[in-house]
Amino acid sequence: MRRPPAIPSASPASVPTPHAWDPDSWRSRPAAQQVRYRNEAELHTSLDKLRSLPPLVTSWEIERLRALLAEAQEGKRFLLQGGDCAESLAECRADAITSKLKILLQMSLVLVHASKQPVIRVGRFAGQYAKPRSSPTETRTIDGQGVTLPSYFGDIVNRPPFTPQDREPDPSLLLRGYEHAALTLNFIRSLVDGGFADLHHPEYWNLGFLRHAELPADLRAQYERMCEHLADGLRFMEALGEARIDELTRVEFFTSHEALLLDYESAQTRTVPRRDGWYNLSTHLPWIGERTRQLDGAHVEYFRGIRNPIGIKLGPDCDPVELLRLVDAVSPHDEPGRLVLITRLGAKKVDHVLPRLIGVIQAARKRVLWVCDPMHANGRTTPTGIKTRHFDDILHELRRSWEIHREQGSRLGGVHFELTGDDVTECLGGASGITEDALSTNYQSQCDPRLNYEQALEMAFLLSNLMSGTAARPAE
């Protein structure tokens, strides 16, 4: 489809005038969602230690991901991004890490089969320890009295129990977060180098839930055919030059997290030998959240200066003109692989909002990778007060995003899920038919509900139907 004529970029008055940048220049801007520490001396001690520790990732890994994302922007690859809502320090265990890698690997193989393209695997892990909150404080009734304490901002800030000691922001947790991210990365690299992702291992094809799930006959038949033909995906990967089949024992995994705590992020932002610019070496793909993307804010100021590819979450209230100004601010040179726009609009609003966002980016001829996060705007609360999401709402937003991009002459180049490889009961619906009564069976998340293993894999199959043009069941 022919693109419309370019429209003028944001006027100079609408975008803050660029000025000299360094990892701490964000401190001159209003900073949303930042934590106030009572002990400034302890905070500075922790930050000084962070600055002295080895980086968690390398600049060449970051540049590798940036090159892959540039190919995805051209329609040559697809991005699969997924993992925990908020990582827990207590869940830094071998089995938990392994299960997350396994589900991402399985989902990626399903998508490779459908798209006939390589898939970029990016985990929400090794750093997703902080979470924005709608309010800085939380009030509960205890012994008939209202008690107000700081909200739980994730394990890198404070602790979940509702006590004054646990909810007090603790600067030492910044170092604990770094240490657990390093342990997680070390284990992931060891698994990958040791052949964990050997696609010949039969346990990676464990799709036994299809035998007992209450699936419609036509959908069951689609799944069974997919299982029978998954080996074709390996041959497609070989044809696309990913690797020889007999050598396909390793795949690449990259890390991502919301760069919420700018003290933590800037302490690990450095220059490296023989490369220009500054890199955030705490993760490969940091993103700006919906609550922190103010054009004149500290997060936009910080992100505009780092060399990493970056993501920006876009909610249903995102104004198209504001979006264009934001893109100009953080990616003024429109470099390949630089910018990932992650829409989180909600099943009820995607039809109204998404075409307008796509239109302004197309008209300005901006180079971006469009990704759908169908999780975050589809939350609901049960009558008993449990936060959940419904599988059908998630699927509806994903399906409509795919279709709207096609209608607009655009392309959905990736997906972003909150998921786990464990058998939790946090989201309603799916083939396994989780009901409100079953949510309390194994609800583990401290923040937002995640797709469990079966729901995540089912979602991958349904997405594969969209990619291959065989989608048959509309979301109700």
Protein backbone atom coordinates (compact mmCIF):
# COMPACT_ATOMS: atom_id res chain seq x y z
CA MET A 1 0.00 0.00 0.00
CA ARG A 2 1.29 3.42 -0.94
CA ARG A 3 2.07 5.61 2.03
CA PRO A 4 0.37 9.01 2.35
CA PRO A 5 2.44 12.17 2.01
CA ALA A 6 4.61 13.05 4.98
CA ILE A 7 3.20 15.53 7.46
CA PRO A 8 5.37 18.03 9.28
CA SER A 9 7.10 16.85 12.42
CA ALA A 10 6.31 18.39 15.78
CA SER A 11 7.14 22.06 15.90
CA PRO A 12 10.26 23.14 17.82
CA ALA A 13 8.09 24.68 20.50
CA SER A 14 6.28 21.38 21.13
CA VAL A 15 9.38 19.30 21.88
CA PRO A 16 11.83 20.23 24.63
CA THR A 17 14.96 21.75 23.12
CA PRO A 18 17.79 19.16 23.08
CA HIS A 19 20.64 19.92 25.42
CA ALA A 20 23.79 18.23 26.61
CA TRP A 21 22.97 14.73 27.86
CA ASP A 22 24.55 12.57 30.50
CA PRO A 23 23.19 9.67 32.59
CA ASP A 24 22.05 12.08 35.30
CA SER A 25 20.57 14.89 33.19
CA TRP A 26 17.12 13.41 33.87
CA ARG A 27 17.37 14.81 37.41
CA SER A 28 16.49 18.26 36.08
CA ARG A 29 13.08 17.03 34.87
CA PRO A 30 9.93 16.03 36.78
CA ALA A 31 10.25 12.31 37.53
CA ALA A 32 7.07 10.25 37.81
CA GLN A 33 6.89 7.05 39.86
CA GLN A 34 10.23 7.62 41.60
CA VAL A 35 10.80 6.35 45.12
CA ARG A 36 11.71 8.63 48.01
CA TYR A 37 14.29 7.05 50.30
CA ARG A 38 14.41 8.20 53.88
CA ASN A 39 18.17 7.57 54.20
CA GLU A 40 19.95 9.50 51.42
CA ALA A 41 23.39 8.34 52.59
CA GLU A 42 22.42 4.67 52.21
CA LEU A 43 20.99 5.41 48.77
CA HIS A 44 24.23 7.01 47.56
CA THR A 45 26.26 4.12 48.99
CA SER A 46 24.17 1.62 47.02
CA LEU A 47 24.37 3.68 43.82
CA ASP A 48 28.15 4.07 44.11
CA LYS A 49 28.43 0.30 44.48
CA LEU A 50 26.21 -0.27 41.44
CA ARG A 51 28.44 2.00 39.35
CA SER A 52 31.47 -0.09 40.26
CA LEU A 53 29.98 -3.53 39.53
CA PRO A 54 30.41 -5.33 36.17
CA PRO A 55 27.71 -4.74 33.55
CA LEU A 56 24.91 -7.27 33.28
CA VAL A 57 24.82 -7.26 29.47
CA THR A 58 27.29 -6.19 26.79
CA SER A 59 27.13 -3.52 24.12
CA TRP A 60 27.64 -6.09 21.38
CA GLU A 61 24.58 -8.03 22.60
CA ILE A 62 22.61 -4.79 22.54
CA GLU A 63 23.77 -4.00 19.01
CA ARG A 64 22.92 -7.56 17.94
CA LEU A 65 19.35 -7.13 19.20
CA ARG A 66 19.13 -3.74 17.54
CA ALA A 67 20.10 -5.31 14.20
CA LEU A 68 17.47 -8.04 14.63
CA LEU A 69 14.81 -5.46 15.47
CA ALA A 70 15.76 -3.50 12.35
CA GLU A 71 15.02 -6.65 10.34
CA ALA A 72 11.72 -7.05 12.18
CA GLN A 73 10.84 -3.47 11.20
CA GLU A 74 11.33 -4.57 7.60
CA GLY A 75 9.02 -7.55 8.05
CA LYS A 76 11.79 -10.15 8.12
CA ARG A 77 11.43 -11.23 11.77
CA PHE A 78 8.81 -11.33 14.51
CA LEU A 79 9.26 -10.32 18.16
CA LEU A 80 8.02 -12.48 21.03
CA GLN A 81 8.38 -10.72 24.38
CA GLY A 82 7.10 -12.29 27.57
CA GLY A 83 7.59 -13.06 31.22
CA ASP A 84 6.55 -12.08 34.72
CA CYS A 85 4.54 -9.02 35.61
CA ALA A 86 7.07 -8.35 38.36
CA GLU A 87 9.91 -10.70 39.16
CA SER A 88 10.28 -11.84 42.74
CA LEU A 89 13.68 -12.21 44.36
CA ALA A 90 12.39 -15.38 46.01
CA GLU A 91 11.56 -16.83 42.57
CA CYS A 92 15.18 -16.64 41.40
CA ARG A 93 15.25 -20.44 41.24
CA ALA A 94 16.45 -22.86 38.60
CA ASP A 95 13.03 -24.40 37.99
CA ALA A 96 11.27 -21.03 37.69
CA ILE A 97 13.82 -19.66 35.22
CA THR A 98 13.82 -22.89 33.21
CA SER A 99 10.02 -22.91 32.92
CA LYS A 100 9.98 -19.34 31.55
CA LEU A 101 12.59 -20.16 28.94
CA LYS A 102 10.73 -23.30 27.98
CA ILE A 103 7.39 -21.60 27.32
CA LEU A 104 9.06 -18.81 25.30
CA LEU A 105 10.90 -21.41 23.25
CA GLN A 106 7.75 -23.44 22.59
CA MET A 107 5.71 -20.37 21.69
CA SER A 108 8.43 -19.16 19.35
CA LEU A 109 8.51 -22.47 17.49
CA VAL A 110 4.75 -22.31 16.92
CA LEU A 111 5.15 -18.77 15.54
CA VAL A 112 8.11 -19.77 13.35
CA HIS A 113 5.98 -22.51 11.85
CA ALA A 114 3.16 -20.10 11.07
CA SER A 115 5.13 -17.08 9.89
CA LYS A 116 7.97 -18.89 8.09
CA GLN A 117 10.23 -16.30 9.73
CA PRO A 118 12.78 -16.26 12.55
CA VAL A 119 11.45 -15.11 15.93
CA ILE A 120 13.32 -12.78 18.30
CA ARG A 121 12.91 -14.07 21.86
CA VAL A 122 12.95 -11.38 24.56
CA GLY A 123 12.17 -12.20 28.17
CA ARG A 124 10.69 -9.94 30.83
CA PHE A 125 13.35 -11.20 33.21
CA ALA A 126 16.69 -10.42 34.89
CA GLY A 127 15.56 -6.95 35.92
CA GLN A 128 11.73 -6.71 36.01
CA TYR A 129 11.77 -6.08 39.75
CA ALA A 130 10.01 -2.68 39.89
CA LYS A 131 6.37 -1.89 39.16
CA PRO A 132 4.57 1.46 38.78
CA ARG A 133 1.56 1.97 41.01
CA SER A 134 -1.60 3.99 40.60
CA SER A 135 -1.06 5.47 44.08
CA PRO A 136 2.12 5.93 46.13
CA THR A 137 0.28 4.74 49.24
CA GLU A 138 -2.10 1.94 50.17
CA THR A 139 -4.70 1.99 52.94
CA ARG A 140 -6.06 -1.08 54.70
CA THR A 141 -8.32 -1.56 57.71
CA ILE A 142 -6.55 -3.33 60.55
CA ASP A 143 -8.26 -3.92 63.89
CA GLY A 144 -10.95 -1.47 62.86
CA GLN A 145 -8.46 1.31 62.08
CA GLY A 146 -7.39 2.66 58.71
CA VAL A 147 -3.65 2.15 58.18
CA THR A 148 -1.82 3.88 55.32
CA LEU A 149 1.60 2.67 54.16
CA PRO A 150 3.72 3.04 50.99
CA SER A 151 2.49 0.91 48.11
CA TYR A 152 4.46 -2.16 47.12
CA PHE A 153 6.65 -1.03 44.21
CA GLY A 154 8.36 -4.36 43.57
CA ASP A 155 11.12 -6.34 45.25
CA ILE A 156 13.83 -3.89 44.24
CA VAL A 157 12.10 -1.15 46.30
CA ASN A 158 10.28 -2.69 49.25
CA ARG A 159 8.51 -5.89 50.34
CA PRO A 160 4.92 -7.15 49.92
CA PRO A 161 3.87 -7.67 53.58
CA PHE A 162 1.74 -4.81 54.85
CA THR A 163 3.94 -3.65 57.71
CA PRO A 164 5.80 -0.36 58.20
CA GLN A 165 9.15 -2.16 58.12
CA ASP A 166 8.43 -4.09 54.92
CA ARG A 167 6.88 -1.20 53.02
CA GLU A 168 9.69 1.27 53.81
CA PRO A 169 11.81 1.76 50.61
CA ASP A 170 15.18 0.08 51.23
CA PRO A 171 18.23 1.22 49.17
CA SER A 172 20.02 -2.09 49.79
CA LEU A 173 17.38 -3.80 47.64
CA LEU A 174 18.86 -2.05 44.58
CA LEU A 175 21.96 -4.20 45.06
CA ARG A 176 19.85 -7.28 45.77
CA GLY A 177 18.03 -6.70 42.50
CA TYR A 178 21.32 -6.40 40.62
CA GLU A 179 22.64 -9.60 42.23
CA HIS A 180 19.54 -11.61 41.36
CA ALA A 181 19.53 -10.26 37.81
CA ALA A 182 23.16 -11.37 37.47
CA LEU A 183 22.33 -14.84 38.85
CA THR A 184 19.41 -15.15 36.44
CA LEU A 185 21.48 -14.09 33.43
CA ASN A 186 24.32 -16.40 34.37
CA PHE A 187 21.96 -19.37 34.59
CA ILE A 188 20.24 -18.49 31.29
CA ARG A 189 23.57 -18.25 29.50
CA SER A 190 24.70 -21.55 31.02
CA LEU A 191 21.49 -23.27 29.93
CA VAL A 192 21.73 -21.96 26.38
CA ASP A 193 25.43 -22.78 26.05
CA GLY A 194 24.83 -26.23 27.54
CA GLY A 195 22.19 -27.22 25.00
CA PHE A 196 19.03 -26.49 27.02
CA ALA A 197 17.38 -25.23 23.85
CA ASP A 198 18.24 -28.33 21.82
CA LEU A 199 15.11 -28.64 19.74
CA HIS A 200 15.59 -32.39 19.45
CA HIS A 201 14.75 -32.90 23.14
CA PRO A 202 11.28 -34.50 23.26
CA GLU A 203 10.23 -32.62 26.41
CA TYR A 204 9.94 -29.42 24.36
CA TRP A 205 7.08 -30.95 22.41
CA ASN A 206 5.02 -31.77 25.50
CA LEU A 207 1.59 -30.62 24.41
CA GLY A 208 -0.33 -33.19 26.41
CA PHE A 209 -2.88 -30.66 27.67
CA LEU A 210 -4.57 -30.81 24.27
CA ARG A 211 -5.70 -34.32 25.09
CA HIS A 212 -7.72 -33.32 28.14
CA ALA A 213 -8.63 -29.68 27.49
CA GLU A 214 -12.27 -29.03 26.62
CA LEU A 215 -11.60 -27.80 23.09
CA PRO A 216 -14.07 -27.46 20.23
CA ALA A 217 -13.54 -30.23 17.69
CA ASP A 218 -12.38 -27.87 14.92
CA LEU A 219 -9.87 -26.14 17.18
CA ARG A 220 -8.57 -29.47 18.48
CA ALA A 221 -8.05 -30.61 14.89
CA GLN A 222 -6.09 -27.44 14.11
CA TYR A 223 -3.86 -27.98 17.12
CA GLU A 224 -3.22 -31.62 16.30
CA ARG A 225 -2.26 -30.73 12.74
CA MET A 226 0.08 -28.08 14.07
CA CYS A 227 1.73 -30.59 16.39
CA GLU A 228 2.20 -33.02 13.51
CA HIS A 229 3.80 -30.33 11.34
CA LEU A 230 5.97 -28.54 13.90
CA ALA A 231 9.03 -30.22 12.47
CA ASP A 232 8.43 -28.16 9.34
CA GLY A 233 9.26 -25.10 11.41
CA LEU A 234 12.78 -26.38 11.90
CA ARG A 235 13.21 -26.78 8.17
CA PHE A 236 11.93 -23.26 7.62
CA MET A 237 14.50 -21.97 10.11
CA GLU A 238 17.19 -23.82 8.17
CA ALA A 239 15.95 -22.40 4.88
CA LEU A 240 16.01 -18.91 6.33
CA GLY A 241 19.61 -19.34 7.37
CA GLU A 242 19.05 -19.48 11.15
CA ALA A 243 21.15 -22.62 11.55
CA ARG A 244 21.67 -26.11 10.23
CA ILE A 245 19.18 -28.53 11.75
CA ASP A 246 21.89 -30.81 13.09
CA GLU A 247 23.48 -27.79 14.80
CA LEU A 248 20.27 -26.27 16.11
CA THR A 249 21.03 -26.76 19.79
CA ARG A 250 21.19 -23.08 20.76
CA VAL A 251 18.90 -20.12 20.37
CA GLU A 252 19.27 -16.50 21.44
CA PHE A 253 17.41 -15.01 24.39
CA PHE A 254 17.48 -11.30 25.19
CA THR A 255 16.35 -9.48 28.33
CA SER A 256 14.01 -6.55 28.88
CA HIS A 257 12.41 -4.65 31.71
CA GLU A 258 10.62 -1.40 32.39
CA ALA A 259 13.33 1.16 33.22
CA LEU A 260 11.25 2.63 36.01
CA LEU A 261 13.78 3.47 38.73
CA LEU A 262 16.09 5.98 37.09
CA ASP A 263 18.55 5.91 39.99
CA TYR A 264 19.12 2.21 39.29
CA GLU A 265 19.23 2.56 35.49
CA SER A 266 21.53 5.57 35.35
CA ALA A 267 23.99 3.92 37.75
CA GLN A 268 24.50 1.18 35.14
CA THR A 269 24.67 3.47 32.11
CA ARG A 270 28.19 3.63 30.71
CA THR A 271 30.39 4.21 27.71
CA VAL A 272 32.32 1.26 26.29
CA PRO A 273 35.61 1.05 24.37
CA ARG A 274 35.48 1.44 20.59
CA ARG A 275 31.80 2.45 20.54
CA ASP A 276 30.16 5.85 20.53
CA GLY A 277 27.51 6.88 23.02
CA TRP A 278 26.10 5.57 26.27
CA TYR A 279 24.59 2.13 26.89
CA ASN A 280 22.23 0.98 29.60
CA LEU A 281 24.07 -2.22 30.51
CA SER A 282 21.41 -3.52 32.91
CA THR A 283 19.28 -4.93 30.06
CA HIS A 284 19.13 -5.27 26.29
CA LEU A 285 15.69 -3.68 25.71
CA PRO A 286 14.45 -1.18 28.34
CA TRP A 287 11.02 0.35 27.91
CA ILE A 288 9.15 3.46 29.06
CA GLY A 289 5.86 2.70 30.75
CA GLU A 290 2.48 4.25 30.08
CA ARG A 291 2.66 6.19 33.35
CA THR A 292 6.13 7.68 32.72
CA ARG A 293 6.21 8.77 29.07
CA GLN A 294 5.57 12.48 29.71
CA LEU A 295 7.29 14.48 26.98
CA ASP A 296 8.94 16.85 29.45
CA GLY A 297 9.57 14.13 32.02
CA ALA A 298 12.68 12.49 33.40
CA HIS A 299 12.17 9.14 31.66
CA VAL A 300 11.99 10.61 28.17
CA GLU A 301 15.08 12.69 28.97
CA TYR A 302 16.96 9.58 30.11
CA PHE A 303 15.87 7.38 27.20
CA ARG A 304 16.78 9.88 24.50
CA GLY A 305 20.46 9.54 25.38
CA ILE A 306 21.02 5.77 25.51
CA ARG A 307 22.06 3.63 22.56
CA ASN A 308 19.85 0.65 23.41
CA PRO A 309 16.80 -0.13 21.35
CA ILE A 310 13.90 1.14 23.43
CA GLY A 311 10.22 0.35 23.85
CA ILE A 312 7.39 2.75 24.64
CA LYS A 313 4.08 1.56 26.08
CA LEU A 314 1.05 3.33 24.58
CA GLY A 315 -2.31 3.25 26.37
CA PRO A 316 -5.81 4.12 25.16
CA ASP A 317 -5.44 7.80 26.09
CA CYS A 318 -2.39 8.32 23.90
CA ASP A 319 -2.90 11.31 21.62
CA PRO A 320 -1.51 10.80 18.07
CA VAL A 321 0.13 14.24 17.98
CA GLU A 322 1.71 13.58 21.37
CA LEU A 323 2.96 10.23 20.07
CA LEU A 324 4.67 11.86 17.11
CA ARG A 325 6.37 14.38 19.39
CA LEU A 326 7.49 11.56 21.64
CA VAL A 327 8.97 9.63 18.72
CA ASP A 328 10.81 12.74 17.57
CA ALA A 329 12.18 13.26 21.09
CA VAL A 330 13.62 9.78 21.65
CA SER A 331 14.44 8.81 18.05
CA PRO A 332 15.21 12.06 16.21
CA HIS A 333 17.39 10.36 13.59
CA ASP A 334 14.90 7.57 12.84
CA GLU A 335 17.59 4.90 13.13
CA PRO A 336 16.82 1.27 12.19
CA GLY A 337 16.05 -0.98 15.13
CA ARG A 338 15.79 1.91 17.58
CA LEU A 339 12.12 2.14 18.45
CA VAL A 340 9.48 -0.42 19.51
CA LEU A 341 5.95 0.93 20.01
CA ILE A 342 3.97 -1.36 22.33
CA THR A 343 0.22 -0.71 22.25
CA ARG A 344 -1.87 -1.67 25.30
CA LEU A 345 -5.29 -0.34 24.39
CA GLY A 346 -7.90 -2.79 25.66
CA ALA A 347 -10.42 -4.93 23.84
CA LYS A 348 -13.08 -2.21 23.97
CA LYS A 349 -10.90 0.64 22.67
CA VAL A 350 -8.49 -0.91 20.18
CA ASP A 351 -10.77 -0.28 17.18
CA HIS A 352 -11.06 3.43 17.96
CA VAL A 353 -7.49 4.22 19.04
CA LEU A 354 -5.12 2.03 17.05
CA PRO A 355 -5.94 3.29 13.50
CA ARG A 356 -5.21 6.88 14.58
CA LEU A 357 -1.84 5.94 16.09
CA ILE A 358 -0.84 3.95 13.03
CA GLY A 359 -1.95 6.75 10.73
CA VAL A 360 0.20 9.46 12.29
CA ILE A 361 3.31 7.26 12.25
CA GLN A 362 2.70 6.22 8.65
CA ALA A 363 2.11 9.79 7.52
CA ALA A 364 5.38 10.90 9.11
CA ARG A 365 7.20 7.88 7.62
CA LYS A 366 8.70 6.92 10.98
CA ARG A 367 10.60 3.67 11.27
CA VAL A 368 9.12 1.71 14.21
CA LEU A 369 8.28 -1.85 15.19
CA TRP A 370 4.64 -2.20 16.22
CA VAL A 371 4.01 -4.65 19.06
CA CYS A 372 0.73 -5.57 20.74
CA ASP A 373 0.51 -5.96 24.52
CA PRO A 374 -3.04 -7.31 24.92
CA MET A 375 -2.67 -7.83 28.68
CA HIS A 376 -2.40 -4.51 30.49
CA ALA A 377 -5.60 -2.73 29.43
CA ASN A 378 -7.81 -5.77 29.93
CA GLY A 379 -7.77 -6.06 33.69
CA ARG A 380 -10.88 -6.71 35.72
CA THR A 381 -11.68 -7.38 39.37
CA THR A 382 -13.97 -10.18 40.54
CA PRO A 383 -16.76 -9.52 43.06
CA THR A 384 -14.46 -11.00 45.72
CA GLY A 385 -11.70 -8.47 44.89
CA ILE A 386 -9.31 -10.67 42.88
CA LYS A 387 -7.47 -8.95 40.01
CA THR A 388 -7.71 -11.00 36.83
CA ARG A 389 -7.93 -10.88 33.05
CA HIS A 390 -10.06 -12.91 30.66
CA PHE A 391 -8.46 -14.96 27.91
CA ASP A 392 -11.13 -13.87 25.41
CA ASP A 393 -10.45 -10.15 26.01
CA ILE A 394 -6.73 -10.71 25.49
CA LEU A 395 -7.37 -12.67 22.31
CA HIS A 396 -9.84 -10.07 20.99
CA GLU A 397 -7.35 -7.21 21.33
CA LEU A 398 -4.62 -9.30 19.73
CA ARG A 399 -6.83 -10.35 16.81
CA ARG A 400 -8.15 -6.86 16.16
CA SER A 401 -4.66 -5.37 16.37
CA TRP A 402 -3.49 -7.84 13.73
CA GLU A 403 -6.45 -7.07 11.49
CA ILE A 404 -6.29 -3.29 11.92
CA HIS A 405 -2.62 -3.21 10.96
CA ARG A 406 -3.43 -5.14 7.79
CA GLU A 407 -6.34 -2.85 7.01
CA GLN A 408 -4.10 0.21 7.46
CA GLY A 409 -1.31 -1.18 5.27
CA SER A 410 0.85 -1.59 8.34
CA ARG A 411 2.26 -4.68 10.05
CA LEU A 412 2.07 -6.01 13.57
CA GLY A 413 5.65 -7.08 14.18
CA GLY A 414 5.51 -8.56 17.65
CA VAL A 415 3.59 -9.46 20.80
CA HIS A 416 4.18 -8.74 24.48
CA PHE A 417 2.65 -11.03 27.12
CA GLU A 418 2.73 -11.35 30.88
CA LEU A 419 3.06 -15.09 31.30
CA THR A 420 4.65 -17.86 33.28
CA GLY A 421 5.66 -21.41 32.55
CA ASP A 422 3.94 -22.57 35.74
CA ASP A 423 0.45 -23.91 36.34
CA VAL A 424 -0.96 -20.80 38.01
CA THR A 425 -4.63 -19.79 38.04
CA GLU A 426 -4.60 -16.03 37.53
CA CYS A 427 -6.38 -15.40 34.20
CA LEU A 428 -9.90 -16.57 33.39
CA GLY A 429 -10.85 -18.73 30.43
CA GLY A 430 -8.77 -20.44 27.81
CA ALA A 431 -9.09 -24.07 26.76
CA SER A 432 -8.62 -25.21 30.34
CA GLY A 433 -11.66 -23.15 31.34
CA ILE A 434 -10.44 -21.39 34.48
CA THR A 435 -13.42 -19.90 36.33
CA GLU A 436 -13.67 -17.26 39.06
CA ASP A 437 -14.08 -19.99 41.66
CA ALA A 438 -10.78 -21.56 40.52
CA LEU A 439 -8.67 -18.39 40.68
CA SER A 440 -7.71 -18.96 44.31
CA THR A 441 -6.40 -22.46 43.55
CA ASN A 442 -2.90 -21.28 42.64
CA TYR A 443 -2.86 -17.48 42.41
CA GLN A 444 0.79 -16.44 42.96
CA SER A 445 1.35 -13.01 41.38
CA GLN A 446 2.00 -10.10 43.75
CA CYS A 447 0.95 -7.60 41.06
CA ASP A 448 -0.88 -8.41 37.83
CA PRO A 449 -2.30 -11.75 36.63
CA ARG A 450 -0.34 -13.79 34.10
CA LEU A 451 -1.22 -16.37 31.46
CA ASN A 452 -0.25 -19.82 32.69
CA TYR A 453 1.64 -22.39 30.62
CA GLU A 454 -1.43 -23.83 28.89
CA GLN A 455 -3.01 -20.43 28.20
CA ALA A 456 0.25 -19.02 26.84
CA LEU A 457 0.74 -21.91 24.46
CA GLU A 458 -2.89 -21.80 23.37
CA MET A 459 -2.47 -18.08 22.67
CA ALA A 460 0.57 -18.86 20.52
CA PHE A 461 -1.47 -21.34 18.48
CA LEU A 462 -4.28 -18.83 17.98
CA LEU A 463 -1.79 -16.15 16.96
CA SER A 464 -0.22 -18.61 14.54
CA ASN A 465 -3.62 -19.01 12.89
CA LEU A 466 -3.74 -15.27 12.32
CA MET A 467 -0.22 -15.27 10.90
CA SER A 468 -0.96 -18.13 8.53
CA GLY A 469 -4.42 -16.85 7.58
CA THR A 470 -6.30 -19.80 9.07
CA ALA A 471 -7.98 -18.10 12.02
CA ALA A 472 -11.41 -19.64 12.44
CA ARG A 473 -12.80 -18.73 15.85
CA PRO A 474 -13.71 -15.13 16.69
CA ALA A 475 -13.25 -13.86 20.22
CA GLU A 476 -16.56 -13.37 21.99
